């Protein structure tokens, strides 16, 4: 059983790639989802589609960049809390690419930019939401890492894997410090999962890893969505500081 109804989630990295299915699944379970994005057009189209489908949850989007960001992030969260009555779940699915850049070509500036985007962005999102999470009846924080961010490897881009490793460390350390407030912090480690929408031509294809996946198939966005719903649910209040591998066993090879 996954109880999501009546709670509110703020979700970054939701309007494209593998996040779309997770937003749909959360809303289908009765959760209100606020997508925090710079891809406003795609997010608005997704929210319109979800809200027209008749699911019990409500979907909307806000932007933290550009001219539309007249309000501070604190003000945005305050407005979300006032509208829905709570902020209960924070999901950071922020990603980077760096495909085609060999290790020898990576500069300190490129690496720090990726770290700031993934680790800094996820940290800021969680920290700003803490006052509301402390008031929630079932507060959850979910960070996304990757199999190579956890175990190492060469299929993913170097700078993304390094930054995703930092995200993993942040999740584990945050879990140890926020447990006293009843806030669970967990991490999902993604393997070869199909993405929706635009994919860079030089990005590695998930199918290239098929021979290394014990279950014999590529992951779907729906596989990831069910893992998200599980960790976001009210029933997982005694699960924290964990890394859930959604990879079909790729992490074992």
C-alpha atoms as a PDB file:
ATOM      1  CA  UNK A   1       0.000   0.000   0.000  1.00  0.00           C
ATOM      2  CA  UNK A   2       1.276   3.466  -0.899  1.00  0.00           C
ATOM      3  CA  UNK A   3      -0.542   6.358   0.789  1.00  0.00           C
ATOM      4  CA  UNK A   4       0.079   9.601  -1.073  1.00  0.00           C
ATOM      5  CA  UNK A   5      -3.312  11.310  -0.885  1.00  0.00           C
ATOM      6  CA  UNK A   6      -3.596  14.822   0.484  1.00  0.00           C
ATOM      7  CA  UNK A   7       0.110  15.554   0.615  1.00  0.00           C
ATOM      8  CA  UNK A   8       2.213  17.925  -1.485  1.00  0.00           C
ATOM      9  CA  UNK A   9       5.486  17.324  -3.297  1.00  0.00           C
ATOM     10  CA  UNK A  10       7.972  19.753  -4.803  1.00  0.00           C
ATOM     11  CA  UNK A  11       9.844  18.068  -7.636  1.00  0.00           C
ATOM     12  CA  UNK A  12      12.849  19.316  -9.606  1.00  0.00           C
ATOM     13  CA  UNK A  13      13.894  17.605 -12.818  1.00  0.00           C
ATOM     14  CA  UNK A  14      10.320  16.500 -13.410  1.00  0.00           C
ATOM     15  CA  UNK A  15       9.246  17.905 -16.747  1.00  0.00           C
ATOM     16  CA  UNK A  16      11.375  15.729 -19.022  1.00  0.00           C
ATOM     17  CA  UNK A  17      13.476  12.592 -19.217  1.00  0.00           C
ATOM     18  CA  UNK A  18      12.530   9.957 -16.672  1.00  0.00           C
ATOM     19  CA  UNK A  19      10.706  12.343 -14.318  1.00  0.00           C
ATOM     20  CA  UNK A  20       7.461  12.640 -16.282  1.00  0.00           C
ATOM     21  CA  UNK A  21       6.159   9.191 -15.361  1.00  0.00           C
ATOM     22  CA  UNK A  22       6.908   9.824 -11.687  1.00  0.00           C
ATOM     23  CA  UNK A  23       4.879  13.041 -11.686  1.00  0.00           C
ATOM     24  CA  UNK A  24       1.965  11.235 -13.309  1.00  0.00           C
ATOM     25  CA  UNK A  25       2.142   8.358 -10.828  1.00  0.00           C
ATOM     26  CA  UNK A  26       2.265  10.670  -7.795  1.00  0.00           C
ATOM     27  CA  UNK A  27      -0.742  12.638  -9.015  1.00  0.00           C
ATOM     28  CA  UNK A  28      -2.600   9.403  -9.809  1.00  0.00           C
ATOM     29  CA  UNK A  29      -2.029   8.421  -6.185  1.00  0.00           C
ATOM     30  CA  UNK A  30      -3.614  11.653  -4.975  1.00  0.00           C
ATOM     31  CA  UNK A  31      -0.543  13.748  -4.288  1.00  0.00           C
ATOM     32  CA  UNK A  32      -0.273  17.388  -5.325  1.00  0.00           C
ATOM     33  CA  UNK A  33       2.925  17.908  -7.316  1.00  0.00           C
ATOM     34  CA  UNK A  34       4.641  21.235  -7.919  1.00  0.00           C
ATOM     35  CA  UNK A  35       7.313  20.986 -10.590  1.00  0.00           C
ATOM     36  CA  UNK A  36      10.187  23.413 -10.017  1.00  0.00           C
ATOM     37  CA  UNK A  37      11.721  23.905 -13.418  1.00  0.00           C
ATOM     38  CA  UNK A  38      13.369  26.174 -15.950  1.00  0.00           C
ATOM     39  CA  UNK A  39      11.636  24.237 -18.743  1.00  0.00           C
ATOM     40  CA  UNK A  40       8.393  26.062 -18.167  1.00  0.00           C
ATOM     41  CA  UNK A  41       6.709  25.294 -21.488  1.00  0.00           C
ATOM     42  CA  UNK A  42       7.146  21.518 -21.164  1.00  0.00           C
ATOM     43  CA  UNK A  43       6.090  21.608 -17.512  1.00  0.00           C
ATOM     44  CA  UNK A  44       2.937  23.595 -18.244  1.00  0.00           C
ATOM     45  CA  UNK A  45       1.957  21.152 -20.977  1.00  0.00           C
ATOM     46  CA  UNK A  46       2.516  18.198 -18.629  1.00  0.00           C
ATOM     47  CA  UNK A  47       0.502  19.836 -15.837  1.00  0.00           C
ATOM     48  CA  UNK A  48      -2.351  20.569 -18.237  1.00  0.00           C
ATOM     49  CA  UNK A  49      -2.356  16.955 -19.438  1.00  0.00           C
ATOM     50  CA  UNK A  50      -2.400  15.565 -15.893  1.00  0.00           C
ATOM     51  CA  UNK A  51      -5.100  17.900 -14.600  1.00  0.00           C
ATOM     52  CA  UNK A  52      -7.313  17.130 -17.597  1.00  0.00           C
ATOM     53  CA  UNK A  53      -7.017  13.383 -16.979  1.00  0.00           C
ATOM     54  CA  UNK A  54      -9.198  13.402 -13.872  1.00  0.00           C
ATOM     55  CA  UNK A  55      -6.629  12.007 -11.416  1.00  0.00           C
ATOM     56  CA  UNK A  56      -7.173  12.939  -7.737  1.00  0.00           C
ATOM     57  CA  UNK A  57      -3.899  14.846  -7.397  1.00  0.00           C
ATOM     58  CA  UNK A  58      -3.221  18.321  -8.776  1.00  0.00           C
ATOM     59  CA  UNK A  59      -0.179  19.358 -10.785  1.00  0.00           C
ATOM     60  CA  UNK A  60       1.331  22.791 -11.343  1.00  0.00           C
ATOM     61  CA  UNK A  61       4.723  24.298 -12.084  1.00  0.00           C
ATOM     62  CA  UNK A  62       6.834  27.212 -10.949  1.00  0.00           C
ATOM     63  CA  UNK A  63      10.125  28.507 -12.262  1.00  0.00           C
ATOM     64  CA  UNK A  64      13.171  29.539 -10.307  1.00  0.00           C
ATOM     65  CA  UNK A  65      14.974  31.172 -13.186  1.00  0.00           C
ATOM     66  CA  UNK A  66      14.517  34.054 -15.571  1.00  0.00           C
ATOM     67  CA  UNK A  67      12.239  37.077 -15.371  1.00  0.00           C
ATOM     68  CA  UNK A  68       9.408  34.984 -13.932  1.00  0.00           C
ATOM     69  CA  UNK A  69      11.433  34.440 -10.750  1.00  0.00           C
ATOM     70  CA  UNK A  70      10.472  37.736  -9.172  1.00  0.00           C
ATOM     71  CA  UNK A  71       9.754  35.937  -5.918  1.00  0.00           C
ATOM     72  CA  UNK A  72      12.507  34.386  -3.884  1.00  0.00           C
ATOM     73  CA  UNK A  73      12.569  30.616  -3.440  1.00  0.00           C
ATOM     74  CA  UNK A  74      11.390  31.136   0.151  1.00  0.00           C
ATOM     75  CA  UNK A  75       8.393  33.087  -1.092  1.00  0.00           C
ATOM     76  CA  UNK A  76       7.577  30.412  -3.656  1.00  0.00           C
ATOM     77  CA  UNK A  77       7.566  27.707  -0.982  1.00  0.00           C
ATOM     78  CA  UNK A  78       5.499  29.874   1.320  1.00  0.00           C
ATOM     79  CA  UNK A  79       2.879  30.286  -1.400  1.00  0.00           C
ATOM     80  CA  UNK A  80       2.855  26.548  -2.120  1.00  0.00           C
ATOM     81  CA  UNK A  81       2.347  25.796   1.551  1.00  0.00           C
ATOM     82  CA  UNK A  82      -0.490  28.310   1.830  1.00  0.00           C
ATOM     83  CA  UNK A  83      -2.214  26.945  -1.271  1.00  0.00           C
ATOM     84  CA  UNK A  84      -2.066  23.249  -0.401  1.00  0.00           C
ATOM     85  CA  UNK A  85      -1.689  23.327   3.386  1.00  0.00           C
ATOM     86  CA  UNK A  86       1.652  21.525   3.534  1.00  0.00           C
ATOM     87  CA  UNK A  87       4.895  20.625   1.827  1.00  0.00           C
ATOM     88  CA  UNK A  88       5.596  16.985   2.561  1.00  0.00           C
ATOM     89  CA  UNK A  89       7.942  15.582  -0.061  1.00  0.00           C
ATOM     90  CA  UNK A  90      11.044  16.989  -1.761  1.00  0.00           C
ATOM     91  CA  UNK A  91      12.354  15.178  -4.836  1.00  0.00           C
ATOM     92  CA  UNK A  92      15.554  16.284  -6.542  1.00  0.00           C
ATOM     93  CA  UNK A  93      16.044  14.683  -9.956  1.00  0.00           C
ATOM     94  CA  UNK A  94      18.463  17.320 -11.199  1.00  0.00           C
ATOM     95  CA  UNK A  95      20.853  16.060 -13.851  1.00  0.00           C
ATOM     96  CA  UNK A  96      23.731  17.173 -16.029  1.00  0.00           C
ATOM     97  CA  UNK A  97      25.340  15.751 -19.133  1.00  0.00           C
ATOM     98  CA  UNK A  98      28.946  16.347 -20.127  1.00  0.00           C
ATOM     99  CA  UNK A  99      28.717  13.624 -22.748  1.00  0.00           C
ATOM    100  CA  UNK A 100      31.588  13.610 -25.193  1.00  0.00           C
ATOM    101  CA  UNK A 101      33.987  15.242 -22.721  1.00  0.00           C
ATOM    102  CA  UNK A 102      36.850  12.901 -21.843  1.00  0.00           C
ATOM    103  CA  UNK A 103      38.385  12.959 -18.371  1.00  0.00           C
ATOM    104  CA  UNK A 104      41.514  14.609 -19.744  1.00  0.00           C
ATOM    105  CA  UNK A 105      39.365  17.398 -21.177  1.00  0.00           C
ATOM    106  CA  UNK A 106      37.414  18.085 -17.976  1.00  0.00           C
ATOM    107  CA  UNK A 107      38.368  21.358 -16.326  1.00  0.00           C
ATOM    108  CA  UNK A 108      37.975  22.252 -12.703  1.00  0.00           C
ATOM    109  CA  UNK A 109      35.404  24.840 -13.737  1.00  0.00           C
ATOM    110  CA  UNK A 110      33.276  22.259 -15.577  1.00  0.00           C
ATOM    111  CA  UNK A 111      33.420  19.855 -12.646  1.00  0.00           C
ATOM    112  CA  UNK A 112      32.540  22.534 -10.088  1.00  0.00           C
ATOM    113  CA  UNK A 113      29.687  23.745 -12.268  1.00  0.00           C
ATOM    114  CA  UNK A 114      28.211  20.249 -12.298  1.00  0.00           C
ATOM    115  CA  UNK A 115      28.701  19.874  -8.545  1.00  0.00           C
ATOM    116  CA  UNK A 116      27.019  23.199  -7.914  1.00  0.00           C
ATOM    117  CA  UNK A 117      24.085  22.296 -10.151  1.00  0.00           C
ATOM    118  CA  UNK A 118      23.430  18.807  -8.795  1.00  0.00           C
ATOM    119  CA  UNK A 119      24.665  18.923  -5.213  1.00  0.00           C
ATOM    120  CA  UNK A 120      24.149  22.631  -4.564  1.00  0.00           C
ATOM    121  CA  UNK A 121      20.756  22.747  -6.245  1.00  0.00           C
ATOM    122  CA  UNK A 122      19.479  19.684  -4.414  1.00  0.00           C
ATOM    123  CA  UNK A 123      20.832  20.937  -1.094  1.00  0.00           C
ATOM    124  CA  UNK A 124      19.237  24.356  -1.475  1.00  0.00           C
ATOM    125  CA  UNK A 125      15.901  22.812  -2.348  1.00  0.00           C
ATOM    126  CA  UNK A 126      15.940  20.549   0.718  1.00  0.00           C
ATOM    127  CA  UNK A 127      17.198  23.239   3.085  1.00  0.00           C
ATOM    128  CA  UNK A 128      14.567  25.780   2.038  1.00  0.00           C
ATOM    129  CA  UNK A 129      11.819  23.198   2.523  1.00  0.00           C
ATOM    130  CA  UNK A 130      12.932  22.131   6.027  1.00  0.00           C
ATOM    131  CA  UNK A 131      10.574  24.437   7.977  1.00  0.00           C
ATOM    132  CA  UNK A 132       7.621  22.868   6.161  1.00  0.00           C
ATOM    133  CA  UNK A 133       8.916  19.297   6.284  1.00  0.00           C
ATOM    134  CA  UNK A 134       9.246  19.570  10.065  1.00  0.00           C
ATOM    135  CA  UNK A 135       5.507  20.273  10.231  1.00  0.00           C
ATOM    136  CA  UNK A 136       4.503  17.440   7.892  1.00  0.00           C
ATOM    137  CA  UNK A 137       2.846  14.270   9.135  1.00  0.00           C
ATOM    138  CA  UNK A 138       5.009  12.198   6.779  1.00  0.00           C
ATOM    139  CA  UNK A 139       8.042  14.181   5.546  1.00  0.00           C
ATOM    140  CA  UNK A 140      10.175  12.634   2.806  1.00  0.00           C
ATOM    141  CA  UNK A 141      13.248  13.707   0.838  1.00  0.00           C
ATOM    142  CA  UNK A 142      14.319  11.727  -2.239  1.00  0.00           C
ATOM    143  CA  UNK A 143      17.541  12.338  -4.154  1.00  0.00           C
ATOM    144  CA  UNK A 144      18.439  10.724  -7.470  1.00  0.00           C
ATOM    145  CA  UNK A 145      21.865   9.287  -8.128  1.00  0.00           C
ATOM    146  CA  UNK A 146      23.056   6.745 -10.696  1.00  0.00           C
ATOM    147  CA  UNK A 147      24.676   3.322 -10.638  1.00  0.00           C
ATOM    148  CA  UNK A 148      27.935   4.858 -11.840  1.00  0.00           C
ATOM    149  CA  UNK A 149      27.633   7.674  -9.312  1.00  0.00           C
ATOM    150  CA  UNK A 150      27.539   4.989  -6.629  1.00  0.00           C
ATOM    151  CA  UNK A 151      29.842   2.280  -7.958  1.00  0.00           C
ATOM    152  CA  UNK A 152      31.886   3.957 -10.685  1.00  0.00           C
ATOM    153  CA  UNK A 153      31.979   3.183 -14.395  1.00  0.00           C
ATOM    154  CA  UNK A 154      32.531   4.637 -17.845  1.00  0.00           C
ATOM    155  CA  UNK A 155      29.152   4.548 -19.592  1.00  0.00           C
ATOM    156  CA  UNK A 156      27.869   7.755 -17.991  1.00  0.00           C
ATOM    157  CA  UNK A 157      29.602  11.110 -18.422  1.00  0.00           C
ATOM    158  CA  UNK A 158      32.468  11.663 -15.997  1.00  0.00           C
ATOM    159  CA  UNK A 159      31.304  14.975 -14.545  1.00  0.00           C
ATOM    160  CA  UNK A 160      27.733  13.741 -14.035  1.00  0.00           C
ATOM    161  CA  UNK A 161      28.912  10.564 -12.292  1.00  0.00           C
ATOM    162  CA  UNK A 162      31.189  12.530  -9.951  1.00  0.00           C
ATOM    163  CA  UNK A 163      28.427  14.975  -9.054  1.00  0.00           C
ATOM    164  CA  UNK A 164      25.924  12.158  -8.576  1.00  0.00           C
ATOM    165  CA  UNK A 165      28.371  10.586  -6.124  1.00  0.00           C
ATOM    166  CA  UNK A 166      28.228  13.839  -4.187  1.00  0.00           C
ATOM    167  CA  UNK A 167      24.426  13.684  -4.211  1.00  0.00           C
ATOM    168  CA  UNK A 168      24.593  10.202  -2.692  1.00  0.00           C
ATOM    169  CA  UNK A 169      26.872  11.370   0.118  1.00  0.00           C
ATOM    170  CA  UNK A 170      24.584  14.338   0.777  1.00  0.00           C
ATOM    171  CA  UNK A 171      21.566  12.050   1.055  1.00  0.00           C
ATOM    172  CA  UNK A 172      23.210   9.738   3.574  1.00  0.00           C
ATOM    173  CA  UNK A 173      24.555  12.542   5.744  1.00  0.00           C
ATOM    174  CA  UNK A 174      21.264  14.435   5.630  1.00  0.00           C
ATOM    175  CA  UNK A 175      19.396  11.298   6.705  1.00  0.00           C
ATOM    176  CA  UNK A 176      21.590  10.993   9.800  1.00  0.00           C
ATOM    177  CA  UNK A 177      20.937  14.601  10.785  1.00  0.00           C
ATOM    178  CA  UNK A 178      17.236  14.948   9.957  1.00  0.00           C
ATOM    179  CA  UNK A 179      15.953  11.694  11.408  1.00  0.00           C
ATOM    180  CA  UNK A 180      15.342  13.365  14.757  1.00  0.00           C
ATOM    181  CA  UNK A 181      12.608  15.411  13.086  1.00  0.00           C
ATOM    182  CA  UNK A 182      10.970  12.371  11.533  1.00  0.00           C
ATOM    183  CA  UNK A 183      12.234  13.394   8.083  1.00  0.00           C
ATOM    184  CA  UNK A 184      13.377  10.456   5.997  1.00  0.00           C
ATOM    185  CA  UNK A 185      16.051  11.007   3.344  1.00  0.00           C
ATOM    186  CA  UNK A 186      16.705   8.315   0.762  1.00  0.00           C
ATOM    187  CA  UNK A 187      18.372   7.988  -2.612  1.00  0.00           C
ATOM    188  CA  UNK A 188      17.381   6.187  -5.799  1.00  0.00           C
ATOM    189  CA  UNK A 189      20.283   4.860  -7.853  1.00  0.00           C
ATOM    190  CA  UNK A 190      19.205   4.699 -11.499  1.00  0.00           C
ATOM    191  CA  UNK A 191      20.573   2.274 -14.030  1.00  0.00           C
ATOM    192  CA  UNK A 192      19.783   2.082 -17.738  1.00  0.00           C
ATOM    193  CA  UNK A 193      16.369   3.750 -17.751  1.00  0.00           C
ATOM    194  CA  UNK A 194      14.711   5.052 -20.904  1.00  0.00           C
ATOM    195  CA  UNK A 195      14.150   8.790 -21.102  1.00  0.00           C
ATOM    196  CA  UNK A 196      11.319  10.724 -22.703  1.00  0.00           C
ATOM    197  CA  UNK A 197      11.617  13.830 -24.843  1.00  0.00           C
ATOM    198  CA  UNK A 198      14.818  15.248 -26.304  1.00  0.00           C
ATOM    199  CA  UNK A 199      17.965  13.163 -25.882  1.00  0.00           C
ATOM    200  CA  UNK A 200      21.351  14.487 -26.964  1.00  0.00           C
ATOM    201  CA  UNK A 201      22.721  12.613 -29.994  1.00  0.00           C
ATOM    202  CA  UNK A 202      26.036  11.963 -28.237  1.00  0.00           C
ATOM    203  CA  UNK A 203      24.407  10.543 -25.100  1.00  0.00           C
ATOM    204  CA  UNK A 204      25.065   6.823 -24.441  1.00  0.00           C
ATOM    205  CA  UNK A 205      22.141   4.568 -25.343  1.00  0.00           C
ATOM    206  CA  UNK A 206      20.661   2.479 -22.501  1.00  0.00           C
ATOM    207  CA  UNK A 207      20.537  -0.502 -24.877  1.00  0.00           C
ATOM    208  CA  UNK A 208      24.343  -0.593 -24.866  1.00  0.00           C
ATOM    209  CA  UNK A 209      24.160  -1.947 -21.313  1.00  0.00           C
ATOM    210  CA  UNK A 210      21.563  -4.632 -21.998  1.00  0.00           C
ATOM    211  CA  UNK A 211      24.047  -7.526 -21.908  1.00  0.00           C
ATOM    212  CA  UNK A 212      25.051  -6.520 -18.355  1.00  0.00           C
ATOM    213  CA  UNK A 213      21.511  -6.362 -16.932  1.00  0.00           C
ATOM    214  CA  UNK A 214      20.468  -9.626 -15.221  1.00  0.00           C
ATOM    215  CA  UNK A 215      16.710  -9.113 -15.719  1.00  0.00           C
ATOM    216  CA  UNK A 216      17.315  -8.842 -19.461  1.00  0.00           C
ATOM    217  CA  UNK A 217      15.612  -5.559 -20.254  1.00  0.00           C
ATOM    218  CA  UNK A 218      16.078  -1.800 -20.131  1.00  0.00           C
ATOM    219  CA  UNK A 219      14.315   0.042 -17.347  1.00  0.00           C
ATOM    220  CA  UNK A 220      11.233   2.133 -18.048  1.00  0.00           C
ATOM    221  CA  UNK A 221      10.256   5.491 -16.566  1.00  0.00           C
ATOM    222  CA  UNK A 222       7.374   3.616 -14.894  1.00  0.00           C
ATOM    223  CA  UNK A 223       9.885   1.410 -13.042  1.00  0.00           C
ATOM    224  CA  UNK A 224      11.438   4.540 -11.609  1.00  0.00           C
ATOM    225  CA  UNK A 225       8.029   6.084 -10.897  1.00  0.00           C
ATOM    226  CA  UNK A 226       6.971   3.185  -8.678  1.00  0.00           C
ATOM    227  CA  UNK A 227      10.179   3.467  -6.665  1.00  0.00           C
ATOM    228  CA  UNK A 228       9.522   7.192  -6.210  1.00  0.00           C
ATOM    229  CA  UNK A 229       5.950   6.561  -5.041  1.00  0.00           C
ATOM    230  CA  UNK A 230       7.164   3.940  -2.590  1.00  0.00           C
ATOM    231  CA  UNK A 231       9.743   6.197  -0.920  1.00  0.00           C
ATOM    232  CA  UNK A 232       7.329   9.151  -0.949  1.00  0.00           C
ATOM    233  CA  UNK A 233       4.528   7.210   0.717  1.00  0.00           C
ATOM    234  CA  UNK A 234       3.419   7.502   4.328  1.00  0.00           C
ATOM    235  CA  UNK A 235       4.273   3.849   4.928  1.00  0.00           C
ATOM    236  CA  UNK A 236       8.052   4.352   4.619  1.00  0.00           C
ATOM    237  CA  UNK A 237       8.579   6.349   7.807  1.00  0.00           C
ATOM    238  CA  UNK A 238      11.080   3.801   9.173  1.00  0.00           C
ATOM    239  CA  UNK A 239      13.218   3.711   6.040  1.00  0.00           C
ATOM    240  CA  UNK A 240      15.945   6.344   5.849  1.00  0.00           C
ATOM    241  CA  UNK A 241      19.545   6.636   4.734  1.00  0.00           C
ATOM    242  CA  UNK A 242      19.007   3.964   2.096  1.00  0.00           C
ATOM    243  CA  UNK A 243      19.986   3.690  -1.555  1.00  0.00           C
ATOM    244  CA  UNK A 244      17.408   1.906  -3.701  1.00  0.00           C
ATOM    245  CA  UNK A 245      18.955   0.505  -6.867  1.00  0.00           C
ATOM    246  CA  UNK A 246      16.494   0.713  -9.767  1.00  0.00           C
ATOM    247  CA  UNK A 247      18.728  -0.934 -12.306  1.00  0.00           C
ATOM    248  CA  UNK A 248      17.579  -4.484 -13.022  1.00  0.00           C
ATOM    249  CA  UNK A 249      20.700  -5.808 -11.295  1.00  0.00           C
ATOM    250  CA  UNK A 250      23.166  -3.740 -13.348  1.00  0.00           C
ATOM    251  CA  UNK A 251      24.893  -2.782 -10.089  1.00  0.00           C
ATOM    252  CA  UNK A 252      25.931  -6.413  -9.541  1.00  0.00           C
ATOM    253  CA  UNK A 253      27.945  -6.711 -12.739  1.00  0.00           C
END
